[in-house]
């Protein structure tokens, strides 16, 4: 059982390494997440706000990983097998965009009052 678990963890690590190395958007989103998390430590946020920030960062990164996996899978199919391949890729990219936009809006709702207090 332990051997199977270590193999699963190693495979997941390889997947994360692959996505990080091959996907510019994932690297950019990771960098943005690190910056936002650092800001959440610097500013006096409530515990629930920090937890929400972490969950939003996680959601964006997971959506990007799923988008990458589906894009690679769809690239195996190619449009010659079905014309929906492009639509599927566009829909998953849209899901990433929507997640990132809402994460940004919620992040701004959390941080703007703290920035205002800093300026005062």
Protein backbone atom coordinates (compact mmCIF):
# COMPACT_ATOMS: atom_id res chain seq x y z
CA UNK A 1 0.00 0.00 0.00
CA UNK A 2 2.79 2.45 0.89
CA UNK A 3 4.58 1.64 -2.37
CA UNK A 4 1.43 2.40 -4.37
CA UNK A 5 0.99 5.68 -2.51
CA UNK A 6 4.57 6.77 -3.20
CA UNK A 7 4.14 5.91 -6.89
CA UNK A 8 0.96 7.99 -7.03
CA UNK A 9 2.65 10.93 -5.33
CA UNK A 10 5.63 10.64 -7.71
CA UNK A 11 3.29 10.61 -10.73
CA UNK A 12 1.45 13.67 -9.43
CA UNK A 13 4.78 15.42 -8.90
CA UNK A 14 5.81 14.64 -12.48
CA UNK A 15 2.49 16.05 -13.69
CA UNK A 16 2.96 19.28 -11.75
CA UNK A 17 6.54 19.57 -13.00
CA UNK A 18 5.38 19.03 -16.58
CA UNK A 19 2.66 21.67 -16.35
CA UNK A 20 4.98 24.15 -14.64
CA UNK A 21 7.71 23.70 -17.26
CA UNK A 22 5.50 23.61 -20.33
CA UNK A 23 2.77 26.14 -19.57
CA UNK A 24 3.60 29.84 -19.41
CA UNK A 25 0.14 30.68 -18.04
CA UNK A 26 0.60 28.26 -15.14
CA UNK A 27 3.96 29.82 -14.28
CA UNK A 28 2.46 33.33 -14.47
CA UNK A 29 -0.51 32.30 -12.33
CA UNK A 30 1.81 30.64 -9.81
CA UNK A 31 3.90 33.81 -9.59
CA UNK A 32 0.76 35.92 -9.14
CA UNK A 33 -0.44 33.51 -6.47
CA UNK A 34 2.85 33.78 -4.57
CA UNK A 35 2.66 37.59 -4.69
CA UNK A 36 -0.97 37.65 -3.55
CA UNK A 37 -0.25 35.20 -0.73
CA UNK A 38 2.73 37.32 0.37
CA UNK A 39 0.43 40.35 0.44
CA UNK A 40 -2.04 38.37 2.53
CA UNK A 41 0.71 37.84 5.10
CA UNK A 42 1.88 41.47 5.02
CA UNK A 43 -1.59 42.97 5.42
CA UNK A 44 -3.59 42.34 8.60
CA UNK A 45 -6.18 40.06 7.01
CA UNK A 46 -8.61 37.97 8.99
CA UNK A 47 -7.95 34.25 9.05
CA UNK A 48 -10.96 33.54 6.84
CA UNK A 49 -9.68 36.06 4.27
CA UNK A 50 -6.31 34.28 4.09
CA UNK A 51 -8.06 30.94 3.73
CA UNK A 52 -10.24 32.34 0.95
CA UNK A 53 -7.17 33.78 -0.82
CA UNK A 54 -5.47 30.36 -0.69
CA UNK A 55 -8.59 28.62 -1.99
CA UNK A 56 -8.87 31.09 -4.87
CA UNK A 57 -5.21 30.61 -5.80
CA UNK A 58 -5.72 26.84 -5.67
CA UNK A 59 -8.85 27.05 -7.84
CA UNK A 60 -7.09 29.04 -10.55
CA UNK A 61 -4.08 26.70 -10.61
CA UNK A 62 -6.24 23.56 -10.64
CA UNK A 63 -8.35 24.96 -13.48
CA UNK A 64 -5.18 25.67 -15.47
CA UNK A 65 -3.95 22.11 -14.88
CA UNK A 66 -7.30 20.67 -16.00
CA UNK A 67 -7.30 22.95 -19.04
CA UNK A 68 -3.80 21.77 -19.97
CA UNK A 69 -4.74 18.11 -19.55
CA UNK A 70 -7.86 18.50 -21.68
CA UNK A 71 -5.97 20.43 -24.36
CA UNK A 72 -3.36 17.69 -24.63
CA UNK A 73 -6.06 15.02 -24.72
CA UNK A 74 -7.97 16.90 -27.41
CA UNK A 75 -4.76 17.33 -29.41
CA UNK A 76 -4.70 13.54 -29.65
CA UNK A 77 -8.16 13.58 -31.20
CA UNK A 78 -7.55 16.46 -33.61
CA UNK A 79 -10.44 18.08 -35.45
CA UNK A 80 -10.40 15.26 -37.98
CA UNK A 81 -12.22 13.10 -35.45
CA UNK A 82 -14.70 15.70 -34.36
CA UNK A 83 -15.32 19.37 -34.94
CA UNK A 84 -16.15 19.87 -31.24
CA UNK A 85 -12.46 19.62 -30.30
CA UNK A 86 -11.94 23.37 -30.75
CA UNK A 87 -15.14 24.12 -28.83
CA UNK A 88 -14.02 21.92 -25.94
CA UNK A 89 -10.62 23.64 -25.82
CA UNK A 90 -12.27 27.07 -25.93
CA UNK A 91 -14.72 26.12 -23.18
CA UNK A 92 -11.98 24.93 -20.83
CA UNK A 93 -9.94 28.06 -21.53
CA UNK A 94 -13.07 30.07 -20.75
CA UNK A 95 -13.44 28.22 -17.45
CA UNK A 96 -9.89 29.21 -16.50
CA UNK A 97 -10.55 32.82 -17.50
CA UNK A 98 -13.80 32.98 -15.53
CA UNK A 99 -12.15 31.47 -12.45
CA UNK A 100 -9.21 33.89 -12.66
CA UNK A 101 -11.48 36.92 -13.16
CA UNK A 102 -13.68 36.07 -10.19
CA UNK A 103 -10.61 35.32 -8.06
CA UNK A 104 -9.24 38.75 -8.99
CA UNK A 105 -12.53 40.49 -8.15
CA UNK A 106 -12.77 38.74 -4.78
CA UNK A 107 -9.09 39.48 -4.12
CA UNK A 108 -9.67 43.16 -4.84
CA UNK A 109 -12.69 43.17 -2.53
CA UNK A 110 -10.46 41.81 0.23
CA UNK A 111 -7.37 43.95 -0.39
CA UNK A 112 -8.78 47.37 -1.39
CA UNK A 113 -9.94 48.29 2.13
CA UNK A 114 -6.47 47.44 3.46
CA UNK A 115 -4.78 49.54 0.76
CA UNK A 116 -7.10 52.44 1.62
CA UNK A 117 -6.22 52.12 5.32
CA UNK A 118 -2.53 52.09 4.40
CA UNK A 119 -2.85 55.38 2.51
CA UNK A 120 -4.78 57.12 5.31
